[in-house]
Amino acid sequence: MEFELIIVIVNANYSEIAMNAAREEGARGGTIVHARGTGTKAMEEKYGIIITPEKDMILILVSKDIRDKILNAVYKAVGLATDGQGIAFSLPVSEVVGM
């Protein structure tokens, strides 16, 4: 089985919304890491968003066949057009142990 690591970065306190959306599409769980983001005034002006420094980073290991459904669901729930102002992306995982 092939796996992908989905990484979601959202404003603080939006991680449960992201995880609920991921679970609805088949994710079993994830790891939430509290983080601090940085940005520039130019980014805020270009994308019309306010960058808040307090972030949550969610790491979700999923099988490759459900990756796209989870990415789309998470982005709908907490994407840049929402108060969560989240981004989500995935990376291939070459090996997994302990599952």
PDB file of N, CA and C in Angstrom:
ATOM      1  N   MET A   1       0.845  -1.182   0.000  1.00  0.00           N
ATOM      2  CA  MET A   1       0.000   0.000   0.000  1.00  0.00           C
ATOM      3  C   MET A   1       0.888   1.242   0.000  1.00  0.00           C
ATOM      4  N   GLU A   2       0.509   2.236  -0.782  1.00  0.00           N
ATOM      5  CA  GLU A   2       1.249   3.496  -0.835  1.00  0.00           C
ATOM      6  C   GLU A   2       0.597   4.505   0.103  1.00  0.00           C
ATOM      7  N   PHE A   3       1.451   5.286   0.780  1.00  0.00           N
ATOM      8  CA  PHE A   3       0.966   6.276   1.739  1.00  0.00           C
ATOM      9  C   PHE A   3       1.393   7.676   1.344  1.00  0.00           C
ATOM     10  N   GLU A   4       0.649   8.645   1.828  1.00  0.00           N
ATOM     11  CA  GLU A   4       0.962  10.060   1.667  1.00  0.00           C
ATOM     12  C   GLU A   4       0.832  10.729   3.024  1.00  0.00           C
ATOM     13  N   LEU A   5       1.651  11.735   3.263  1.00  0.00           N
ATOM     14  CA  LEU A   5       1.538  12.544   4.464  1.00  0.00           C
ATOM     15  C   LEU A   5       0.858  13.843   4.069  1.00  0.00           C
ATOM     16  N   ILE A   6      -0.330  14.066   4.592  1.00  0.00           N
ATOM     17  CA  ILE A   6      -1.027  15.331   4.351  1.00  0.00           C
ATOM     18  C   ILE A   6      -0.644  16.278   5.475  1.00  0.00           C
ATOM     19  N   ILE A   7      -0.225  17.467   5.092  1.00  0.00           N
ATOM     20  CA  ILE A   7       0.143  18.502   6.052  1.00  0.00           C
ATOM     21  C   ILE A   7      -0.836  19.653   5.877  1.00  0.00           C
ATOM     22  N   VAL A   8      -1.483  20.013   6.968  1.00  0.00           N
ATOM     23  CA  VAL A   8      -2.461  21.100   6.962  1.00  0.00           C
ATOM     24  C   VAL A   8      -1.964  22.160   7.945  1.00  0.00           C
ATOM     25  N   ILE A   9      -1.931  23.399   7.507  1.00  0.00           N
ATOM     26  CA  ILE A   9      -1.526  24.501   8.385  1.00  0.00           C
ATOM     27  C   ILE A   9      -2.700  25.475   8.450  1.00  0.00           C
ATOM     28  N   VAL A  10      -3.222  25.678   9.659  1.00  0.00           N
ATOM     29  CA  VAL A  10      -4.389  26.532   9.864  1.00  0.00           C
ATOM     30  C   VAL A  10      -4.139  27.497  11.018  1.00  0.00           C
ATOM     31  N   ASN A  11      -4.958  28.531  11.084  1.00  0.00           N
ATOM     32  CA  ASN A  11      -4.916  29.412  12.248  1.00  0.00           C
ATOM     33  C   ASN A  11      -5.202  28.586  13.505  1.00  0.00           C
ATOM     34  N   ALA A  12      -4.660  29.019  14.617  1.00  0.00           N
ATOM     35  CA  ALA A  12      -4.869  28.321  15.887  1.00  0.00           C
ATOM     36  C   ALA A  12      -6.359  28.141  16.136  1.00  0.00           C
ATOM     37  N   ASN A  13      -6.708  27.020  16.732  1.00  0.00           N
ATOM     38  CA  ASN A  13      -8.081  26.677  17.117  1.00  0.00           C
ATOM     39  C   ASN A  13      -8.961  26.207  15.963  1.00  0.00           C
ATOM     40  N   TYR A  14      -8.403  25.948  14.798  1.00  0.00           N
ATOM     41  CA  TYR A  14      -9.171  25.427  13.672  1.00  0.00           C
ATOM     42  C   TYR A  14      -8.782  23.987  13.328  1.00  0.00           C
ATOM     43  N   SER A  15      -7.925  23.395  14.129  1.00  0.00           N
ATOM     44  CA  SER A  15      -7.445  22.044  13.820  1.00  0.00           C
ATOM     45  C   SER A  15      -8.552  20.995  13.935  1.00  0.00           C
ATOM     46  N   GLU A  16      -9.465  21.143  14.869  1.00  0.00           N
ATOM     47  CA  GLU A  16     -10.544  20.157  15.005  1.00  0.00           C
ATOM     48  C   GLU A  16     -11.482  20.192  13.802  1.00  0.00           C
ATOM     49  N   ILE A  17     -11.729  21.369  13.272  1.00  0.00           N
ATOM     50  CA  ILE A  17     -12.564  21.480  12.073  1.00  0.00           C
ATOM     51  C   ILE A  17     -11.879  20.755  10.914  1.00  0.00           C
ATOM     52  N   ALA A  18     -10.577  20.966  10.772  1.00  0.00           N
ATOM     53  CA  ALA A  18      -9.820  20.292   9.711  1.00  0.00           C
ATOM     54  C   ALA A  18      -9.840  18.782   9.903  1.00  0.00           C
ATOM     55  N   MET A  19      -9.632  18.322  11.138  1.00  0.00           N
ATOM     56  CA  MET A  19      -9.617  16.885  11.398  1.00  0.00           C
ATOM     57  C   MET A  19     -10.987  16.261  11.180  1.00  0.00           C
ATOM     58  N   ASN A  20     -12.048  16.947  11.546  1.00  0.00           N
ATOM     59  CA  ASN A  20     -13.395  16.423  11.304  1.00  0.00           C
ATOM     60  C   ASN A  20     -13.646  16.235   9.812  1.00  0.00           C
ATOM     61  N   ALA A  21     -13.214  17.200   9.008  1.00  0.00           N
ATOM     62  CA  ALA A  21     -13.375  17.086   7.557  1.00  0.00           C
ATOM     63  C   ALA A  21     -12.557  15.914   7.017  1.00  0.00           C
ATOM     64  N   ALA A  22     -11.344  15.745   7.529  1.00  0.00           N
ATOM     65  CA  ALA A  22     -10.487  14.635   7.086  1.00  0.00           C
ATOM     66  C   ALA A  22     -11.078  13.293   7.489  1.00  0.00           C
ATOM     67  N   ARG A  23     -11.607  13.207   8.695  1.00  0.00           N
ATOM     68  CA  ARG A  23     -12.223  11.959   9.159  1.00  0.00           C
ATOM     69  C   ARG A  23     -13.429  11.569   8.313  1.00  0.00           C
ATOM     70  N   GLU A  24     -14.207  12.546   7.914  1.00  0.00           N
ATOM     71  CA  GLU A  24     -15.384  12.269   7.079  1.00  0.00           C
ATOM     72  C   GLU A  24     -14.998  11.628   5.749  1.00  0.00           C
ATOM     73  N   GLU A  25     -13.758  11.836   5.314  1.00  0.00           N
ATOM     74  CA  GLU A  25     -13.298  11.272   4.049  1.00  0.00           C
ATOM     75  C   GLU A  25     -12.392  10.056   4.244  1.00  0.00           C
ATOM     76  N   GLY A  26     -12.289   9.560   5.479  1.00  0.00           N
ATOM     77  CA  GLY A  26     -11.570   8.315   5.686  1.00  0.00           C
ATOM     78  C   GLY A  26     -10.312   8.372   6.525  1.00  0.00           C
ATOM     79  N   ALA A  27      -9.865   9.557   6.917  1.00  0.00           N
ATOM     80  CA  ALA A  27      -8.683   9.635   7.789  1.00  0.00           C
ATOM     81  C   ALA A  27      -9.053   9.080   9.158  1.00  0.00           C
ATOM     82  N   ARG A  28      -8.112   8.397   9.784  1.00  0.00           N
ATOM     83  CA  ARG A  28      -8.403   7.817  11.090  1.00  0.00           C
ATOM     84  C   ARG A  28      -7.952   8.707  12.235  1.00  0.00           C
ATOM     85  N   GLY A  29      -7.041   9.605  11.984  1.00  0.00           N
ATOM     86  CA  GLY A  29      -6.538  10.490  13.027  1.00  0.00           C
ATOM     87  C   GLY A  29      -5.371  11.291  12.499  1.00  0.00           C
ATOM     88  N   GLY A  30      -4.809  12.089  13.354  1.00  0.00           N
ATOM     89  CA  GLY A  30      -3.677  12.918  12.960  1.00  0.00           C
ATOM     90  C   GLY A  30      -2.945  13.408  14.183  1.00  0.00           C
ATOM     91  N   THR A  31      -1.883  14.127  13.938  1.00  0.00           N
ATOM     92  CA  THR A  31      -1.087  14.719  15.005  1.00  0.00           C
ATOM     93  C   THR A  31      -1.124  16.232  14.839  1.00  0.00           C
ATOM     94  N   ILE A  32      -1.475  16.936  15.911  1.00  0.00           N
ATOM     95  CA  ILE A  32      -1.552  18.395  15.874  1.00  0.00           C
ATOM     96  C   ILE A  32      -0.321  18.965  16.564  1.00  0.00           C
ATOM     97  N   VAL A  33       0.367  19.838  15.859  1.00  0.00           N
ATOM     98  CA  VAL A  33       1.562  20.494  16.381  1.00  0.00           C
ATOM     99  C   VAL A  33       1.282  21.988  16.403  1.00  0.00           C
ATOM    100  N   HIS A  34       1.491  22.613  17.537  1.00  0.00           N
ATOM    101  CA  HIS A  34       1.314  24.063  17.621  1.00  0.00           C
ATOM    102  C   HIS A  34       2.533  24.729  16.998  1.00  0.00           C
ATOM    103  N   ALA A  35       2.279  25.730  16.164  1.00  0.00           N
ATOM    104  CA  ALA A  35       3.353  26.345  15.390  1.00  0.00           C
ATOM    105  C   ALA A  35       3.180  27.858  15.360  1.00  0.00           C
ATOM    106  N   ARG A  36       4.177  28.507  14.824  1.00  0.00           N
ATOM    107  CA  ARG A  36       4.136  29.958  14.677  1.00  0.00           C
ATOM    108  C   ARG A  36       4.523  30.279  13.241  1.00  0.00           C
ATOM    109  N   GLY A  37       3.654  31.010  12.547  1.00  0.00           N
ATOM    110  CA  GLY A  37       3.908  31.343  11.147  1.00  0.00           C
ATOM    111  C   GLY A  37       4.452  32.746  10.989  1.00  0.00           C
ATOM    112  N   THR A  38       4.981  32.989   9.829  1.00  0.00           N
ATOM    113  CA  THR A  38       5.474  34.318   9.483  1.00  0.00           C
ATOM    114  C   THR A  38       4.970  34.669   8.096  1.00  0.00           C
ATOM    115  N   GLY A  39       4.932  35.904   7.791  1.00  0.00           N
ATOM    116  CA  GLY A  39       4.494  36.344   6.472  1.00  0.00           C
ATOM    117  C   GLY A  39       4.917  37.784   6.263  1.00  0.00           C
ATOM    118  N   THR A  40       4.638  38.292   5.087  1.00  0.00           N
ATOM    119  CA  THR A  40       5.012  39.665   4.773  1.00  0.00           C
ATOM    120  C   THR A  40       3.764  40.482   4.458  1.00  0.00           C
ATOM    121  N   LYS A  41       3.908  41.773   4.549  1.00  0.00           N
ATOM    122  CA  LYS A  41       2.816  42.677   4.202  1.00  0.00           C
ATOM    123  C   LYS A  41       2.431  42.497   2.737  1.00  0.00           C
ATOM    124  N   ALA A  42       3.404  42.224   1.876  1.00  0.00           N
ATOM    125  CA  ALA A  42       3.122  42.022   0.458  1.00  0.00           C
ATOM    126  C   ALA A  42       2.215  40.807   0.242  1.00  0.00           C
ATOM    127  N   MET A  43       2.434  39.731   1.005  1.00  0.00           N
ATOM    128  CA  MET A  43       1.575  38.551   0.903  1.00  0.00           C
ATOM    129  C   MET A  43       0.156  38.885   1.328  1.00  0.00           C
ATOM    130  N   GLU A  44       0.033  39.636   2.412  1.00  0.00           N
ATOM    131  CA  GLU A  44      -1.296  40.015   2.894  1.00  0.00           C
ATOM    132  C   GLU A  44      -2.036  40.825   1.838  1.00  0.00           C
ATOM    133  N   GLU A  45      -1.338  41.757   1.199  1.00  0.00           N
ATOM    134  CA  GLU A  45      -1.963  42.600   0.191  1.00  0.00           C
ATOM    135  C   GLU A  45      -2.298  41.806  -1.071  1.00  0.00           C
ATOM    136  N   LYS A  46      -1.394  40.937  -1.501  1.00  0.00           N
ATOM    137  CA  LYS A  46      -1.599  40.164  -2.727  1.00  0.00           C
ATOM    138  C   LYS A  46      -2.785  39.211  -2.600  1.00  0.00           C
ATOM    139  N   TYR A  47      -2.878  38.512  -1.464  1.00  0.00           N
ATOM    140  CA  TYR A  47      -3.917  37.501  -1.293  1.00  0.00           C
ATOM    141  C   TYR A  47      -5.130  37.999  -0.505  1.00  0.00           C
ATOM    142  N   GLY A  48      -5.065  39.215   0.006  1.00  0.00           N
ATOM    143  CA  GLY A  48      -6.195  39.782   0.725  1.00  0.00           C
ATOM    144  C   GLY A  48      -6.507  39.073   2.031  1.00  0.00           C
ATOM    145  N   ILE A  49      -5.473  38.583   2.689  1.00  0.00           N
ATOM    146  CA  ILE A  49      -5.667  37.889   3.961  1.00  0.00           C
ATOM    147  C   ILE A  49      -4.808  38.548   5.031  1.00  0.00           C
ATOM    148  N   ILE A  50      -5.184  38.335   6.258  1.00  0.00           N
ATOM    149  CA  ILE A  50      -4.387  38.808   7.382  1.00  0.00           C
ATOM    150  C   ILE A  50      -3.653  37.607   7.947  1.00  0.00           C
ATOM    151  N   ILE A  51      -2.352  37.720   8.068  1.00  0.00           N
ATOM    152  CA  ILE A  51      -1.561  36.602   8.555  1.00  0.00           C
ATOM    153  C   ILE A  51      -1.473  36.679  10.072  1.00  0.00           C
ATOM    154  N   THR A  52      -2.021  35.666  10.727  1.00  0.00           N
ATOM    155  CA  THR A  52      -1.930  35.570  12.182  1.00  0.00           C
ATOM    156  C   THR A  52      -0.815  34.595  12.514  1.00  0.00           C
ATOM    157  N   PRO A  53       0.037  34.937  13.450  1.00  0.00           N
ATOM    158  CA  PRO A  53       1.208  34.103  13.699  1.00  0.00           C
ATOM    159  C   PRO A  53       0.925  32.752  14.364  1.00  0.00           C
ATOM    160  N   GLU A  54      -0.097  32.663  15.211  1.00  0.00           N
ATOM    161  CA  GLU A  54      -0.358  31.406  15.912  1.00  0.00           C
ATOM    162  C   GLU A  54      -1.048  30.412  14.984  1.00  0.00           C
ATOM    163  N   LYS A  55      -0.418  29.275  14.772  1.00  0.00           N
ATOM    164  CA  LYS A  55      -0.909  28.274  13.829  1.00  0.00           C
ATOM    165  C   LYS A  55      -0.988  26.903  14.485  1.00  0.00           C
ATOM    166  N   ASP A  56      -1.763  26.021  13.860  1.00  0.00           N
ATOM    167  CA  ASP A  56      -1.744  24.597  14.162  1.00  0.00           C
ATOM    168  C   ASP A  56      -1.322  23.896  12.884  1.00  0.00           C
ATOM    169  N   MET A  57      -0.437  22.928  13.012  1.00  0.00           N
ATOM    170  CA  MET A  57      -0.020  22.117  11.889  1.00  0.00           C
ATOM    171  C   MET A  57      -0.509  20.701  12.160  1.00  0.00           C
ATOM    172  N   ILE A  58      -1.242  20.147  11.215  1.00  0.00           N
ATOM    173  CA  ILE A  58      -1.820  18.824  11.387  1.00  0.00           C
ATOM    174  C   ILE A  58      -1.134  17.872  10.416  1.00  0.00           C
ATOM    175  N   LEU A  59      -0.653  16.763  10.933  1.00  0.00           N
ATOM    176  CA  LEU A  59       0.008  15.740  10.127  1.00  0.00           C
ATOM    177  C   LEU A  59      -0.920  14.533  10.069  1.00  0.00           C
ATOM    178  N   ILE A  60      -1.295  14.134   8.858  1.00  0.00           N
ATOM    179  CA  ILE A  60      -2.241  13.038   8.675  1.00  0.00           C
ATOM    180  C   ILE A  60      -1.645  12.051   7.679  1.00  0.00           C
ATOM    181  N   LEU A  61      -1.384  10.834   8.121  1.00  0.00           N
ATOM    182  CA  LEU A  61      -0.869   9.786   7.252  1.00  0.00           C
ATOM    183  C   LEU A  61      -2.054   9.010   6.686  1.00  0.00           C
ATOM    184  N   VAL A  62      -2.155   8.966   5.355  1.00  0.00           N
ATOM    185  CA  VAL A  62      -3.294   8.305   4.712  1.00  0.00           C
ATOM    186  C   VAL A  62      -2.821   7.460   3.543  1.00  0.00           C
ATOM    187  N   SER A  63      -3.679   6.533   3.132  1.00  0.00           N
ATOM    188  CA  SER A  63      -3.364   5.787   1.920  1.00  0.00           C
ATOM    189  C   SER A  63      -3.545   6.723   0.722  1.00  0.00           C
ATOM    190  N   LYS A  64      -2.734   6.484  -0.287  1.00  0.00           N
ATOM    191  CA  LYS A  64      -2.717   7.375  -1.447  1.00  0.00           C
ATOM    192  C   LYS A  64      -4.079   7.485  -2.136  1.00  0.00           C
ATOM    193  N   ASP A  65      -4.877   6.425  -2.084  1.00  0.00           N
ATOM    194  CA  ASP A  65      -6.148   6.434  -2.799  1.00  0.00           C
ATOM    195  C   ASP A  65      -7.203   7.372  -2.201  1.00  0.00           C
ATOM    196  N   ILE A  66      -7.043   7.817  -0.955  1.00  0.00           N
ATOM    197  CA  ILE A  66      -8.007   8.771  -0.377  1.00  0.00           C
ATOM    198  C   ILE A  66      -7.419  10.167  -0.180  1.00  0.00           C
ATOM    199  N   ARG A  67      -6.180  10.351  -0.598  1.00  0.00           N
ATOM    200  CA  ARG A  67      -5.498  11.637  -0.417  1.00  0.00           C
ATOM    201  C   ARG A  67      -6.276  12.810  -1.002  1.00  0.00           C
ATOM    202  N   ASP A  68      -6.689  12.710  -2.256  1.00  0.00           N
ATOM    203  CA  ASP A  68      -7.339  13.850  -2.907  1.00  0.00           C
ATOM    204  C   ASP A  68      -8.664  14.213  -2.252  1.00  0.00           C
ATOM    205  N   LYS A  69      -9.436  13.207  -1.856  1.00  0.00           N
ATOM    206  CA  LYS A  69     -10.715  13.475  -1.181  1.00  0.00           C
ATOM    207  C   LYS A  69     -10.480  14.227   0.125  1.00  0.00           C
ATOM    208  N   ILE A  70      -9.453  13.821   0.864  1.00  0.00           N
ATOM    209  CA  ILE A  70      -9.165  14.478   2.141  1.00  0.00           C
ATOM    210  C   ILE A  70      -8.660  15.896   1.915  1.00  0.00           C
ATOM    211  N   LEU A  71      -7.742  16.069   0.978  1.00  0.00           N
ATOM    212  CA  LEU A  71      -7.232  17.417   0.688  1.00  0.00           C
ATOM    213  C   LEU A  71      -8.379  18.366   0.316  1.00  0.00           C
ATOM    214  N   ASN A  72      -9.263  17.919  -0.547  1.00  0.00           N
ATOM    215  CA  ASN A  72     -10.374  18.773  -0.971  1.00  0.00           C
ATOM    216  C   ASN A  72     -11.332  19.079   0.180  1.00  0.00           C
ATOM    217  N   ALA A  73     -11.634  18.085   0.998  1.00  0.00           N
ATOM    218  CA  ALA A  73     -12.546  18.302   2.129  1.00  0.00           C
ATOM    219  C   ALA A  73     -11.948  19.267   3.146  1.00  0.00           C
ATOM    220  N   VAL A  74     -10.681  19.100   3.431  1.00  0.00           N
ATOM    221  CA  VAL A  74     -10.008  19.984   4.388  1.00  0.00           C
ATOM    222  C   VAL A  74      -9.971  21.406   3.847  1.00  0.00           C
ATOM    223  N   TYR A  75      -9.660  21.541   2.568  1.00  0.00           N
ATOM    224  CA  TYR A  75      -9.589  22.889   2.007  1.00  0.00           C
ATOM    225  C   TYR A  75     -10.957  23.568   2.019  1.00  0.00           C
ATOM    226  N   LYS A  76     -12.023  22.824   1.753  1.00  0.00           N
ATOM    227  CA  LYS A  76     -13.368  23.404   1.839  1.00  0.00           C
ATOM    228  C   LYS A  76     -13.681  23.870   3.258  1.00  0.00           C
ATOM    229  N   ALA A  77     -13.257  23.083   4.232  1.00  0.00           N
ATOM    230  CA  ALA A  77     -13.586  23.374   5.631  1.00  0.00           C
ATOM    231  C   ALA A  77     -12.764  24.512   6.218  1.00  0.00           C
ATOM    232  N   VAL A  78     -11.465  24.571   5.902  1.00  0.00           N
ATOM    233  CA  VAL A  78     -10.583  25.541   6.557  1.00  0.00           C
ATOM    234  C   VAL A  78      -9.613  26.224   5.594  1.00  0.00           C
ATOM    235  N   GLY A  79      -9.952  26.301   4.319  1.00  0.00           N
ATOM    236  CA  GLY A  79      -9.071  26.893   3.317  1.00  0.00           C
ATOM    237  C   GLY A  79      -8.900  28.395   3.469  1.00  0.00           C
ATOM    238  N   LEU A  80      -8.166  28.972   2.559  1.00  0.00           N
ATOM    239  CA  LEU A  80      -7.855  30.406   2.615  1.00  0.00           C
ATOM    240  C   LEU A  80      -9.096  31.297   2.615  1.00  0.00           C
ATOM    241  N   ALA A  81     -10.187  30.835   2.040  1.00  0.00           N
ATOM    242  CA  ALA A  81     -11.412  31.642   1.993  1.00  0.00           C
ATOM    243  C   ALA A  81     -12.214  31.566   3.295  1.00  0.00           C
ATOM    244  N   THR A  82     -11.730  30.823   4.283  1.00  0.00           N
ATOM    245  CA  THR A  82     -12.427  30.683   5.566  1.00  0.00           C
ATOM    246  C   THR A  82     -11.638  31.394   6.666  1.00  0.00           C
ATOM    247  N   ASP A  83     -12.215  31.449   7.861  1.00  0.00           N
ATOM    248  CA  ASP A  83     -11.501  32.037   8.992  1.00  0.00           C
ATOM    249  C   ASP A  83     -10.274  31.206   9.390  1.00  0.00           C
ATOM    250  N   GLY A  84     -10.289  29.926   9.040  1.00  0.00           N
ATOM    251  CA  GLY A  84      -9.132  29.070   9.337  1.00  0.00           C
ATOM    252  C   GLY A  84      -7.910  29.422   8.522  1.00  0.00           C
ATOM    253  N   GLN A  85      -8.106  30.050   7.376  1.00  0.00           N
ATOM    254  CA  GLN A  85      -7.046  30.478   6.464  1.00  0.00           C
ATOM    255  C   GLN A  85      -5.969  29.408   6.283  1.00  0.00           C
ATOM    256  N   GLY A  86      -6.413  28.195   6.007  1.00  0.00           N
ATOM    257  CA  GLY A  86      -5.487  27.082   5.933  1.00  0.00           C
ATOM    258  C   GLY A  86      -4.983  26.764   4.545  1.00  0.00           C
ATOM    259  N   ILE A  87      -3.857  26.099   4.534  1.00  0.00           N
ATOM    260  CA  ILE A  87      -3.323  25.504   3.320  1.00  0.00           C
ATOM    261  C   ILE A  87      -3.094  24.027   3.615  1.00  0.00           C
ATOM    262  N   ALA A  88      -3.153  23.220   2.582  1.00  0.00           N
ATOM    263  CA  ALA A  88      -2.945  21.789   2.750  1.00  0.00           C
ATOM    264  C   ALA A  88      -2.155  21.274   1.550  1.00  0.00           C
ATOM    265  N   PHE A  89      -1.259  20.355   1.819  1.00  0.00           N
ATOM    266  CA  PHE A  89      -0.483  19.737   0.742  1.00  0.00           C
ATOM    267  C   PHE A  89      -0.076  18.349   1.202  1.00  0.00           C
ATOM    268  N   SER A  90       0.424  17.552   0.274  1.00  0.00           N
ATOM    269  CA  SER A  90       0.822  16.197   0.636  1.00  0.00           C
ATOM    270  C   SER A  90       2.233  15.910   0.140  1.00  0.00           C
ATOM    271  N   LEU A  91       2.850  14.967   0.800  1.00  0.00           N
ATOM    272  CA  LEU A  91       4.179  14.487   0.425  1.00  0.00           C
ATOM    273  C   LEU A  91       4.139  12.966   0.366  1.00  0.00           C
ATOM    274  N   PRO A  92       4.842  12.382  -0.603  1.00  0.00           N
ATOM    275  CA  PRO A  92       4.875  10.926  -0.659  1.00  0.00           C
ATOM    276  C   PRO A  92       5.678  10.364   0.503  1.00  0.00           C
ATOM    277  N   VAL A  93       5.260   9.195   0.979  1.00  0.00           N
ATOM    278  CA  VAL A  93       5.945   8.511   2.075  1.00  0.00           C
ATOM    279  C   VAL A  93       6.485   7.206   1.520  1.00  0.00           C
ATOM    280  N   SER A  94       7.787   6.992   1.650  1.00  0.00           N
ATOM    281  CA  SER A  94       8.372   5.808   1.036  1.00  0.00           C
ATOM    282  C   SER A  94       8.238   4.554   1.899  1.00  0.00           C
ATOM    283  N   GLU A  95       8.238   4.701   3.213  1.00  0.00           N
ATOM    284  CA  GLU A  95       8.097   3.544   4.079  1.00  0.00           C
ATOM    285  C   GLU A  95       7.335   3.908   5.340  1.00  0.00           C
ATOM    286  N   VAL A  96       6.572   2.942   5.849  1.00  0.00           N
ATOM    287  CA  VAL A  96       5.810   3.128   7.093  1.00  0.00           C
ATOM    288  C   VAL A  96       6.004   1.898   7.943  1.00  0.00           C
ATOM    289  N   VAL A  97       6.270   2.087   9.216  1.00  0.00           N
ATOM    290  CA  VAL A  97       6.317   0.981  10.177  1.00  0.00           C
ATOM    291  C   VAL A  97       5.368   1.293  11.328  1.00  0.00           C
ATOM    292  N   GLY A  98       4.887   0.272  11.980  1.00  0.00           N
ATOM    293  CA  GLY A  98       4.042   0.480  13.141  1.00  0.00           C
ATOM    294  C   GLY A  98       2.573   0.652  12.844  1.00  0.00           C
ATOM    295  N   MET A  99       2.168   0.381  11.632  1.00  0.00           N
ATOM    296  CA  MET A  99       0.738   0.513  11.306  1.00  0.00           C
ATOM    297  C   MET A  99       0.170  -0.846  10.975  1.00  0.00           C
TER     298      MET A  99
END
